[in-house]
Amino acid sequence: MPVCQHCGEAWSYKESLKQIIKLRRKMICEHCNEQQYSSQRSYWISQMVFLPAYFIIIPLMNIVFNVGFITGFLFITLLATFYILITPKLLSLSNKEEPLW
């Protein structure tokens, strides 16, 4: 779980998930009320977990199994849910905003 770089307190899964769902890179620590940012490393790791599904698994599923739109949509929804649930485990924090590139 992520640890605040300012106060050193570990965030709970619930806190992390709540901050991630807000879809902002700037997060507020609930222990010390200081701004924290998703680190560049955790951003790239979370993207590398999810992007292969869109570019490899979904087209392959369509070609090999000839799935329809509804099945594909349900699969994407399942992947998005999995992504949201696993991202708090991959999150690491930084005191300053790091460039993504």
PDB file of N, CA and C in Angstrom:
ATOM      1  N   MET A   1       0.841  -1.168   0.000  1.00  0.00           N
ATOM      2  CA  MET A   1       0.000   0.000   0.000  1.00  0.00           C
ATOM      3  C   MET A   1       0.896   1.244   0.000  1.00  0.00           C
ATOM      4  N   PRO A   2       0.390   2.334  -0.555  1.00  0.00           N
ATOM      5  CA  PRO A   2       1.200   3.550  -0.630  1.00  0.00           C
ATOM      6  C   PRO A   2       1.458   4.156   0.749  1.00  0.00           C
ATOM      7  N   VAL A   3       2.607   4.808   0.852  1.00  0.00           N
ATOM      8  CA  VAL A   3       3.006   5.469   2.092  1.00  0.00           C
ATOM      9  C   VAL A   3       3.202   6.948   1.800  1.00  0.00           C
ATOM     10  N   CYS A   4       2.605   7.807   2.619  1.00  0.00           N
ATOM     11  CA  CYS A   4       2.747   9.255   2.451  1.00  0.00           C
ATOM     12  C   CYS A   4       4.216   9.631   2.614  1.00  0.00           C
ATOM     13  N   GLN A   5       4.741  10.375   1.688  1.00  0.00           N
ATOM     14  CA  GLN A   5       6.141  10.784   1.735  1.00  0.00           C
ATOM     15  C   GLN A   5       6.372  11.911   2.737  1.00  0.00           C
ATOM     16  N   HIS A   6       5.319  12.553   3.190  1.00  0.00           N
ATOM     17  CA  HIS A   6       5.457  13.659   4.139  1.00  0.00           C
ATOM     18  C   HIS A   6       5.398  13.167   5.585  1.00  0.00           C
ATOM     19  N   CYS A   7       4.363  12.402   5.939  1.00  0.00           N
ATOM     20  CA  CYS A   7       4.199  11.974   7.334  1.00  0.00           C
ATOM     21  C   CYS A   7       4.603  10.516   7.573  1.00  0.00           C
ATOM     22  N   GLY A   8       4.773   9.733   6.507  1.00  0.00           N
ATOM     23  CA  GLY A   8       5.208   8.346   6.645  1.00  0.00           C
ATOM     24  C   GLY A   8       4.098   7.362   6.983  1.00  0.00           C
ATOM     25  N   GLU A   9       2.858   7.817   7.000  1.00  0.00           N
ATOM     26  CA  GLU A   9       1.728   6.935   7.302  1.00  0.00           C
ATOM     27  C   GLU A   9       1.323   6.140   6.062  1.00  0.00           C
ATOM     28  N   ALA A  10       1.026   4.876   6.268  1.00  0.00           N
ATOM     29  CA  ALA A  10       0.554   4.035   5.165  1.00  0.00           C
ATOM     30  C   ALA A  10      -0.926   4.304   4.938  1.00  0.00           C
ATOM     31  N   TRP A  11      -1.315   4.397   3.680  1.00  0.00           N
ATOM     32  CA  TRP A  11      -2.712   4.604   3.326  1.00  0.00           C
ATOM     33  C   TRP A  11      -3.404   3.252   3.312  1.00  0.00           C
ATOM     34  N   SER A  12      -4.652   3.243   3.692  1.00  0.00           N
ATOM     35  CA  SER A  12      -5.430   2.013   3.620  1.00  0.00           C
ATOM     36  C   SER A  12      -5.872   1.790   2.169  1.00  0.00           C
ATOM     37  N   TYR A  13      -6.332   0.593   1.901  1.00  0.00           N
ATOM     38  CA  TYR A  13      -6.816   0.280   0.558  1.00  0.00           C
ATOM     39  C   TYR A  13      -7.980   1.188   0.198  1.00  0.00           C
ATOM     40  N   LYS A  14      -8.870   1.422   1.159  1.00  0.00           N
ATOM     41  CA  LYS A  14     -10.046   2.256   0.933  1.00  0.00           C
ATOM     42  C   LYS A  14      -9.645   3.704   0.609  1.00  0.00           C
ATOM     43  N   GLU A  15      -8.666   4.255   1.355  1.00  0.00           N
ATOM     44  CA  GLU A  15      -8.187   5.616   1.084  1.00  0.00           C
ATOM     45  C   GLU A  15      -7.587   5.710  -0.318  1.00  0.00           C
ATOM     46  N   SER A  16      -6.768   4.741  -0.655  1.00  0.00           N
ATOM     47  CA  SER A  16      -6.108   4.727  -1.957  1.00  0.00           C
ATOM     48  C   SER A  16      -7.121   4.638  -3.086  1.00  0.00           C
ATOM     49  N   LEU A  17      -8.085   3.762  -2.941  1.00  0.00           N
ATOM     50  CA  LEU A  17      -9.110   3.591  -3.965  1.00  0.00           C
ATOM     51  C   LEU A  17      -9.926   4.873  -4.136  1.00  0.00           C
ATOM     52  N   LYS A  18     -10.270   5.514  -3.027  1.00  0.00           N
ATOM     53  CA  LYS A  18     -11.040   6.759  -3.083  1.00  0.00           C
ATOM     54  C   LYS A  18     -10.256   7.853  -3.824  1.00  0.00           C
ATOM     55  N   GLN A  19      -8.963   7.947  -3.583  1.00  0.00           N
ATOM     56  CA  GLN A  19      -8.141   8.956  -4.249  1.00  0.00           C
ATOM     57  C   GLN A  19      -7.985   8.654  -5.744  1.00  0.00           C
ATOM     58  N   ILE A  20      -7.858   7.392  -6.088  1.00  0.00           N
ATOM     59  CA  ILE A  20      -7.682   7.002  -7.486  1.00  0.00           C
ATOM     60  C   ILE A  20      -8.949   7.244  -8.292  1.00  0.00           C
ATOM     61  N   ILE A  21     -10.098   6.974  -7.696  1.00  0.00           N
ATOM     62  CA  ILE A  21     -11.366   7.143  -8.409  1.00  0.00           C
ATOM     63  C   ILE A  21     -11.616   8.611  -8.759  1.00  0.00           C
ATOM     64  N   LYS A  22     -11.021   9.532  -8.010  1.00  0.00           N
ATOM     65  CA  LYS A  22     -11.177  10.962  -8.304  1.00  0.00           C
ATOM     66  C   LYS A  22     -10.502  11.358  -9.618  1.00  0.00           C
ATOM     67  N   LEU A  23      -9.635  10.496 -10.155  1.00  0.00           N
ATOM     68  CA  LEU A  23      -8.946  10.701 -11.434  1.00  0.00           C
ATOM     69  C   LEU A  23      -8.085  11.963 -11.461  1.00  0.00           C
ATOM     70  N   ARG A  24      -7.435  12.254 -10.375  1.00  0.00           N
ATOM     71  CA  ARG A  24      -6.484  13.364 -10.322  1.00  0.00           C
ATOM     72  C   ARG A  24      -5.131  12.821  -9.906  1.00  0.00           C
ATOM     73  N   ARG A  25      -4.080  13.433 -10.411  1.00  0.00           N
ATOM     74  CA  ARG A  25      -2.744  13.014  -9.977  1.00  0.00           C
ATOM     75  C   ARG A  25      -2.441  13.557  -8.594  1.00  0.00           C
ATOM     76  N   LYS A  26      -3.033  14.718  -8.252  1.00  0.00           N
ATOM     77  CA  LYS A  26      -2.806  15.301  -6.937  1.00  0.00           C
ATOM     78  C   LYS A  26      -3.759  14.652  -5.944  1.00  0.00           C
ATOM     79  N   MET A  27      -3.197  14.126  -4.859  1.00  0.00           N
ATOM     80  CA  MET A  27      -3.989  13.455  -3.840  1.00  0.00           C
ATOM     81  C   MET A  27      -3.688  14.107  -2.495  1.00  0.00           C
ATOM     82  N   ILE A  28      -4.639  14.084  -1.597  1.00  0.00           N
ATOM     83  CA  ILE A  28      -4.470  14.663  -0.273  1.00  0.00           C
ATOM     84  C   ILE A  28      -4.387  13.531   0.755  1.00  0.00           C
ATOM     85  N   CYS A  29      -3.317  13.554   1.536  1.00  0.00           N
ATOM     86  CA  CYS A  29      -3.153  12.560   2.599  1.00  0.00           C
ATOM     87  C   CYS A  29      -4.177  12.852   3.691  1.00  0.00           C
ATOM     88  N   GLU A  30      -4.926  11.838   4.096  1.00  0.00           N
ATOM     89  CA  GLU A  30      -5.935  12.017   5.136  1.00  0.00           C
ATOM     90  C   GLU A  30      -5.327  12.122   6.531  1.00  0.00           C
ATOM     91  N   HIS A  31      -4.043  11.773   6.673  1.00  0.00           N
ATOM     92  CA  HIS A  31      -3.392  11.835   7.978  1.00  0.00           C
ATOM     93  C   HIS A  31      -2.801  13.217   8.258  1.00  0.00           C
ATOM     94  N   CYS A  32      -2.147  13.812   7.237  1.00  0.00           N
ATOM     95  CA  CYS A  32      -1.469  15.095   7.452  1.00  0.00           C
ATOM     96  C   CYS A  32      -1.999  16.217   6.549  1.00  0.00           C
ATOM     97  N   ASN A  33      -2.950  15.918   5.681  1.00  0.00           N
ATOM     98  CA  ASN A  33      -3.549  16.891   4.752  1.00  0.00           C
ATOM     99  C   ASN A  33      -2.550  17.553   3.807  1.00  0.00           C
ATOM    100  N   GLU A  34      -1.451  16.887   3.534  1.00  0.00           N
ATOM    101  CA  GLU A  34      -0.460  17.385   2.567  1.00  0.00           C
ATOM    102  C   GLU A  34      -0.749  16.775   1.196  1.00  0.00           C
ATOM    103  N   GLN A  35      -0.345  17.506   0.161  1.00  0.00           N
ATOM    104  CA  GLN A  35      -0.547  17.022  -1.199  1.00  0.00           C
ATOM    105  C   GLN A  35       0.482  15.942  -1.525  1.00  0.00           C
ATOM    106  N   GLN A  36       0.009  14.893  -2.139  1.00  0.00           N
ATOM    107  CA  GLN A  36       0.856  13.815  -2.619  1.00  0.00           C
ATOM    108  C   GLN A  36       0.501  13.582  -4.083  1.00  0.00           C
ATOM    109  N   TYR A  37       1.455  13.053  -4.826  1.00  0.00           N
ATOM    110  CA  TYR A  37       1.256  12.797  -6.249  1.00  0.00           C
ATOM    111  C   TYR A  37       1.594  11.349  -6.543  1.00  0.00           C
ATOM    112  N   SER A  38       0.897  10.802  -7.515  1.00  0.00           N
ATOM    113  CA  SER A  38       1.230   9.474  -7.995  1.00  0.00           C
ATOM    114  C   SER A  38       2.610   9.547  -8.643  1.00  0.00           C
ATOM    115  N   SER A  39       3.494   8.638  -8.273  1.00  0.00           N
ATOM    116  CA  SER A  39       4.845   8.682  -8.827  1.00  0.00           C
ATOM    117  C   SER A  39       4.839   8.234 -10.287  1.00  0.00           C
ATOM    118  N   GLN A  40       5.849   8.652 -11.001  1.00  0.00           N
ATOM    119  CA  GLN A  40       5.980   8.302 -12.408  1.00  0.00           C
ATOM    120  C   GLN A  40       6.063   6.780 -12.559  1.00  0.00           C
ATOM    121  N   ARG A  41       6.794   6.138 -11.688  1.00  0.00           N
ATOM    122  CA  ARG A  41       6.976   4.692 -11.752  1.00  0.00           C
ATOM    123  C   ARG A  41       5.646   3.955 -11.572  1.00  0.00           C
ATOM    124  N   SER A  42       4.848   4.367 -10.584  1.00  0.00           N
ATOM    125  CA  SER A  42       3.579   3.670 -10.358  1.00  0.00           C
ATOM    126  C   SER A  42       2.602   3.919 -11.498  1.00  0.00           C
ATOM    127  N   TYR A  43       2.658   5.113 -12.107  1.00  0.00           N
ATOM    128  CA  TYR A  43       1.808   5.395 -13.258  1.00  0.00           C
ATOM    129  C   TYR A  43       2.135   4.447 -14.404  1.00  0.00           C
ATOM    130  N   TRP A  44       3.414   4.284 -14.714  1.00  0.00           N
ATOM    131  CA  TRP A  44       3.808   3.421 -15.830  1.00  0.00           C
ATOM    132  C   TRP A  44       3.518   1.957 -15.544  1.00  0.00           C
ATOM    133  N   ILE A  45       3.731   1.524 -14.317  1.00  0.00           N
ATOM    134  CA  ILE A  45       3.439   0.129 -13.975  1.00  0.00           C
ATOM    135  C   ILE A  45       1.951  -0.158 -14.132  1.00  0.00           C
ATOM    136  N   SER A  46       1.106   0.754 -13.638  1.00  0.00           N
ATOM    137  CA  SER A  46      -0.334   0.518 -13.748  1.00  0.00           C
ATOM    138  C   SER A  46      -0.795   0.531 -15.202  1.00  0.00           C
ATOM    139  N   GLN A  47      -0.169   1.332 -16.043  1.00  0.00           N
ATOM    140  CA  GLN A  47      -0.531   1.342 -17.459  1.00  0.00           C
ATOM    141  C   GLN A  47      -0.058   0.075 -18.162  1.00  0.00           C
ATOM    142  N   MET A  48       1.101  -0.429 -17.809  1.00  0.00           N
ATOM    143  CA  MET A  48       1.623  -1.633 -18.451  1.00  0.00           C
ATOM    144  C   MET A  48       0.838  -2.878 -18.049  1.00  0.00           C
ATOM    145  N   VAL A  49       0.146  -2.832 -16.933  1.00  0.00           N
ATOM    146  CA  VAL A  49      -0.701  -3.956 -16.527  1.00  0.00           C
ATOM    147  C   VAL A  49      -1.954  -4.006 -17.390  1.00  0.00           C
ATOM    148  N   PHE A  50      -2.501  -2.832 -17.739  1.00  0.00           N
ATOM    149  CA  PHE A  50      -3.809  -2.770 -18.370  1.00  0.00           C
ATOM    150  C   PHE A  50      -3.773  -2.646 -19.893  1.00  0.00           C
ATOM    151  N   LEU A  51      -2.821  -1.943 -20.449  1.00  0.00           N
ATOM    152  CA  LEU A  51      -2.800  -1.694 -21.892  1.00  0.00           C
ATOM    153  C   LEU A  51      -2.684  -2.945 -22.762  1.00  0.00           C
ATOM    154  N   PRO A  52      -1.902  -3.953 -22.390  1.00  0.00           N
ATOM    155  CA  PRO A  52      -1.847  -5.149 -23.241  1.00  0.00           C
ATOM    156  C   PRO A  52      -3.215  -5.783 -23.469  1.00  0.00           C
ATOM    157  N   ALA A  53      -4.101  -5.648 -22.513  1.00  0.00           N
ATOM    158  CA  ALA A  53      -5.439  -6.224 -22.681  1.00  0.00           C
ATOM    159  C   ALA A  53      -6.159  -5.595 -23.860  1.00  0.00           C
ATOM    160  N   TYR A  54      -6.022  -4.290 -24.011  1.00  0.00           N
ATOM    161  CA  TYR A  54      -6.706  -3.620 -25.112  1.00  0.00           C
ATOM    162  C   TYR A  54      -6.093  -3.948 -26.466  1.00  0.00           C
ATOM    163  N   PHE A  55      -4.783  -4.035 -26.529  1.00  0.00           N
ATOM    164  CA  PHE A  55      -4.116  -4.191 -27.815  1.00  0.00           C
ATOM    165  C   PHE A  55      -3.823  -5.627 -28.213  1.00  0.00           C
ATOM    166  N   ILE A  56      -3.868  -6.555 -27.271  1.00  0.00           N
ATOM    167  CA  ILE A  56      -3.550  -7.942 -27.593  1.00  0.00           C
ATOM    168  C   ILE A  56      -4.729  -8.874 -27.309  1.00  0.00           C
ATOM    169  N   ILE A  57      -5.204  -8.864 -26.087  1.00  0.00           N
ATOM    170  CA  ILE A  57      -6.209  -9.836 -25.668  1.00  0.00           C
ATOM    171  C   ILE A  57      -7.548  -9.627 -26.364  1.00  0.00           C
ATOM    172  N   ILE A  58      -8.034  -8.393 -26.397  1.00  0.00           N
ATOM    173  CA  ILE A  58      -9.355  -8.138 -26.978  1.00  0.00           C
ATOM    174  C   ILE A  58      -9.384  -8.422 -28.482  1.00  0.00           C
ATOM    175  N   PRO A  59      -8.433  -7.933 -29.300  1.00  0.00           N
ATOM    176  CA  PRO A  59      -8.471  -8.310 -30.724  1.00  0.00           C
ATOM    177  C   PRO A  59      -8.295  -9.815 -30.940  1.00  0.00           C
ATOM    178  N   LEU A  60      -7.428 -10.439 -30.143  1.00  0.00           N
ATOM    179  CA  LEU A  60      -7.226 -11.876 -30.258  1.00  0.00           C
ATOM    180  C   LEU A  60      -8.504 -12.633 -29.911  1.00  0.00           C
ATOM    181  N   MET A  61      -9.194 -12.167 -28.882  1.00  0.00           N
ATOM    182  CA  MET A  61     -10.463 -12.781 -28.514  1.00  0.00           C
ATOM    183  C   MET A  61     -11.470 -12.694 -29.660  1.00  0.00           C
ATOM    184  N   ASN A  62     -11.497 -11.552 -30.314  1.00  0.00           N
ATOM    185  CA  ASN A  62     -12.436 -11.342 -31.409  1.00  0.00           C
ATOM    186  C   ASN A  62     -12.096 -12.241 -32.600  1.00  0.00           C
ATOM    187  N   ILE A  63     -10.828 -12.384 -32.907  1.00  0.00           N
ATOM    188  CA  ILE A  63     -10.406 -13.184 -34.061  1.00  0.00           C
ATOM    189  C   ILE A  63     -10.571 -14.682 -33.783  1.00  0.00           C
ATOM    190  N   VAL A  64     -10.070 -15.138 -32.651  1.00  0.00           N
ATOM    191  CA  VAL A  64     -10.060 -16.569 -32.356  1.00  0.00           C
ATOM    192  C   VAL A  64     -11.450 -17.082 -31.972  1.00  0.00           C
ATOM    193  N   PHE A  65     -12.134 -16.378 -31.098  1.00  0.00           N
ATOM    194  CA  PHE A  65     -13.406 -16.878 -30.588  1.00  0.00           C
ATOM    195  C   PHE A  65     -14.616 -16.259 -31.269  1.00  0.00           C
ATOM    196  N   ASN A  66     -14.394 -15.272 -32.123  1.00  0.00           N
ATOM    197  CA  ASN A  66     -15.458 -14.600 -32.858  1.00  0.00           C
ATOM    198  C   ASN A  66     -16.583 -14.137 -31.924  1.00  0.00           C
ATOM    199  N   VAL A  67     -16.175 -13.380 -30.892  1.00  0.00           N
ATOM    200  CA  VAL A  67     -17.149 -12.888 -29.917  1.00  0.00           C
ATOM    201  C   VAL A  67     -17.873 -11.673 -30.469  1.00  0.00           C
ATOM    202  N   GLY A  68     -19.065 -11.457 -29.989  1.00  0.00           N
ATOM    203  CA  GLY A  68     -19.860 -10.325 -30.423  1.00  0.00           C
ATOM    204  C   GLY A  68     -19.588  -9.074 -29.596  1.00  0.00           C
ATOM    205  N   PHE A  69     -20.320  -8.032 -29.904  1.00  0.00           N
ATOM    206  CA  PHE A  69     -20.140  -6.742 -29.248  1.00  0.00           C
ATOM    207  C   PHE A  69     -20.458  -6.824 -27.760  1.00  0.00           C
ATOM    208  N   ILE A  70     -21.539  -7.478 -27.403  1.00  0.00           N
ATOM    209  CA  ILE A  70     -21.958  -7.565 -25.996  1.00  0.00           C
ATOM    210  C   ILE A  70     -20.904  -8.296 -25.170  1.00  0.00           C
ATOM    211  N   THR A  71     -20.417  -9.400 -25.665  1.00  0.00           N
ATOM    212  CA  THR A  71     -19.387 -10.158 -24.959  1.00  0.00           C
ATOM    213  C   THR A  71     -18.117  -9.339 -24.816  1.00  0.00           C
ATOM    214  N   GLY A  72     -17.722  -8.655 -25.868  1.00  0.00           N
ATOM    215  CA  GLY A  72     -16.546  -7.788 -25.812  1.00  0.00           C
ATOM    216  C   GLY A  72     -16.719  -6.664 -24.815  1.00  0.00           C
ATOM    217  N   PHE A  73     -17.908  -6.062 -24.810  1.00  0.00           N
ATOM    218  CA  PHE A  73     -18.192  -4.980 -23.866  1.00  0.00           C
ATOM    219  C   PHE A  73     -18.142  -5.489 -22.424  1.00  0.00           C
ATOM    220  N   LEU A  74     -18.715  -6.651 -22.170  1.00  0.00           N
ATOM    221  CA  LEU A  74     -18.677  -7.227 -20.828  1.00  0.00           C
ATOM    222  C   LEU A  74     -17.244  -7.547 -20.399  1.00  0.00           C
ATOM    223  N   PHE A  75     -16.441  -8.032 -21.334  1.00  0.00           N
ATOM    224  CA  PHE A  75     -15.048  -8.331 -21.033  1.00  0.00           C
ATOM    225  C   PHE A  75     -14.284  -7.055 -20.698  1.00  0.00           C
ATOM    226  N   ILE A  76     -14.509  -5.991 -21.460  1.00  0.00           N
ATOM    227  CA  ILE A  76     -13.847  -4.709 -21.187  1.00  0.00           C
ATOM    228  C   ILE A  76     -14.285  -4.172 -19.823  1.00  0.00           C
ATOM    229  N   THR A  77     -15.559  -4.316 -19.495  1.00  0.00           N
ATOM    230  CA  THR A  77     -16.059  -3.882 -18.190  1.00  0.00           C
ATOM    231  C   THR A  77     -15.396  -4.671 -17.066  1.00  0.00           C
ATOM    232  N   LEU A  78     -15.236  -5.958 -17.267  1.00  0.00           N
ATOM    233  CA  LEU A  78     -14.559  -6.796 -16.284  1.00  0.00           C
ATOM    234  C   LEU A  78     -13.104  -6.373 -16.117  1.00  0.00           C
ATOM    235  N   LEU A  79     -12.416  -6.116 -17.226  1.00  0.00           N
ATOM    236  CA  LEU A  79     -11.031  -5.656 -17.162  1.00  0.00           C
ATOM    237  C   LEU A  79     -10.909  -4.306 -16.462  1.00  0.00           C
ATOM    238  N   ALA A  80     -11.828  -3.395 -16.732  1.00  0.00           N
ATOM    239  CA  ALA A  80     -11.799  -2.075 -16.097  1.00  0.00           C
ATOM    240  C   ALA A  80     -12.013  -2.207 -14.587  1.00  0.00           C
ATOM    241  N   THR A  81     -12.917  -3.073 -14.187  1.00  0.00           N
ATOM    242  CA  THR A  81     -13.155  -3.310 -12.764  1.00  0.00           C
ATOM    243  C   THR A  81     -11.917  -3.899 -12.104  1.00  0.00           C
ATOM    244  N   PHE A  82     -11.298  -4.868 -12.754  1.00  0.00           N
ATOM    245  CA  PHE A  82     -10.062  -5.460 -12.245  1.00  0.00           C
ATOM    246  C   PHE A  82      -8.974  -4.392 -12.114  1.00  0.00           C
ATOM    247  N   TYR A  83      -8.860  -3.529 -13.108  1.00  0.00           N
ATOM    248  CA  TYR A  83      -7.862  -2.460 -13.097  1.00  0.00           C
ATOM    249  C   TYR A  83      -8.086  -1.517 -11.917  1.00  0.00           C
ATOM    250  N   ILE A  84      -9.322  -1.118 -11.699  1.00  0.00           N
ATOM    251  CA  ILE A  84      -9.624  -0.201 -10.597  1.00  0.00           C
ATOM    252  C   ILE A  84      -9.319  -0.855  -9.250  1.00  0.00           C
ATOM    253  N   LEU A  85      -9.586  -2.144  -9.129  1.00  0.00           N
ATOM    254  CA  LEU A  85      -9.356  -2.831  -7.867  1.00  0.00           C
ATOM    255  C   LEU A  85      -7.886  -3.122  -7.592  1.00  0.00           C
ATOM    256  N   ILE A  86      -7.069  -3.280  -8.630  1.00  0.00           N
ATOM    257  CA  ILE A  86      -5.660  -3.601  -8.426  1.00  0.00           C
ATOM    258  C   ILE A  86      -4.765  -2.353  -8.351  1.00  0.00           C
ATOM    259  N   THR A  87      -5.207  -1.245  -8.906  1.00  0.00           N
ATOM    260  CA  THR A  87      -4.381  -0.041  -8.952  1.00  0.00           C
ATOM    261  C   THR A  87      -3.944   0.463  -7.577  1.00  0.00           C
ATOM    262  N   PRO A  88      -4.780   0.437  -6.523  1.00  0.00           N
ATOM    263  CA  PRO A  88      -4.284   0.887  -5.211  1.00  0.00           C
ATOM    264  C   PRO A  88      -3.083   0.093  -4.713  1.00  0.00           C
ATOM    265  N   LYS A  89      -2.984  -1.168  -5.096  1.00  0.00           N
ATOM    266  CA  LYS A  89      -1.830  -1.978  -4.692  1.00  0.00           C
ATOM    267  C   LYS A  89      -0.554  -1.539  -5.421  1.00  0.00           C
ATOM    268  N   LEU A  90      -0.696  -0.962  -6.615  1.00  0.00           N
ATOM    269  CA  LEU A  90       0.452  -0.549  -7.417  1.00  0.00           C
ATOM    270  C   LEU A  90       0.861   0.892  -7.167  1.00  0.00           C
ATOM    271  N   LEU A  91       0.066   1.639  -6.419  1.00  0.00           N
ATOM    272  CA  LEU A  91       0.287   3.065  -6.227  1.00  0.00           C
ATOM    273  C   LEU A  91       1.467   3.331  -5.307  1.00  0.00           C
ATOM    274  N   SER A  92       2.336   4.238  -5.728  1.00  0.00           N
ATOM    275  CA  SER A  92       3.368   4.786  -4.847  1.00  0.00           C
ATOM    276  C   SER A  92       3.295   6.299  -4.965  1.00  0.00           C
ATOM    277  N   LEU A  93       3.675   6.979  -3.900  1.00  0.00           N
ATOM    278  CA  LEU A  93       3.471   8.417  -3.815  1.00  0.00           C
ATOM    279  C   LEU A  93       4.777   9.192  -3.858  1.00  0.00           C
ATOM    280  N   SER A  94       4.639  10.450  -4.249  1.00  0.00           N
ATOM    281  CA  SER A  94       5.776  11.373  -4.319  1.00  0.00           C
ATOM    282  C   SER A  94       5.331  12.721  -3.761  1.00  0.00           C
ATOM    283  N   ASN A  95       6.275  13.482  -3.194  1.00  0.00           N
ATOM    284  CA  ASN A  95       5.966  14.813  -2.651  1.00  0.00           C
ATOM    285  C   ASN A  95       5.748  15.843  -3.750  1.00  0.00           C
ATOM    286  N   LYS A  96       6.377  15.633  -4.900  1.00  0.00           N
ATOM    287  CA  LYS A  96       6.237  16.604  -5.993  1.00  0.00           C
ATOM    288  C   LYS A  96       5.731  15.904  -7.240  1.00  0.00           C
ATOM    289  N   GLU A  97       5.130  16.695  -8.093  1.00  0.00           N
ATOM    290  CA  GLU A  97       4.579  16.147  -9.331  1.00  0.00           C
ATOM    291  C   GLU A  97       5.722  15.835 -10.294  1.00  0.00           C
ATOM    292  N   GLU A  98       5.811  14.605 -10.705  1.00  0.00           N
ATOM    293  CA  GLU A  98       6.862  14.173 -11.637  1.00  0.00           C
ATOM    294  C   GLU A  98       6.297  14.155 -13.048  1.00  0.00           C
ATOM    295  N   PRO A  99       7.098  14.533 -14.033  1.00  0.00           N
ATOM    296  CA  PRO A  99       6.610  14.434 -15.423  1.00  0.00           C
ATOM    297  C   PRO A  99       6.419  12.975 -15.807  1.00  0.00           C
ATOM    298  N   LEU A 100       5.440  12.733 -16.661  1.00  0.00           N
ATOM    299  CA  LEU A 100       5.163  11.359 -17.080  1.00  0.00           C
ATOM    300  C   LEU A 100       6.144  10.866 -18.119  1.00  0.00           C
ATOM    301  N   TRP A 101       6.825  11.746 -18.782  1.00  0.00           N
ATOM    302  CA  TRP A 101       7.774  11.346 -19.829  1.00  0.00           C
ATOM    303  C   TRP A 101       9.171  11.483 -19.358  1.00  0.00           C
TER     304      TRP A 101
END
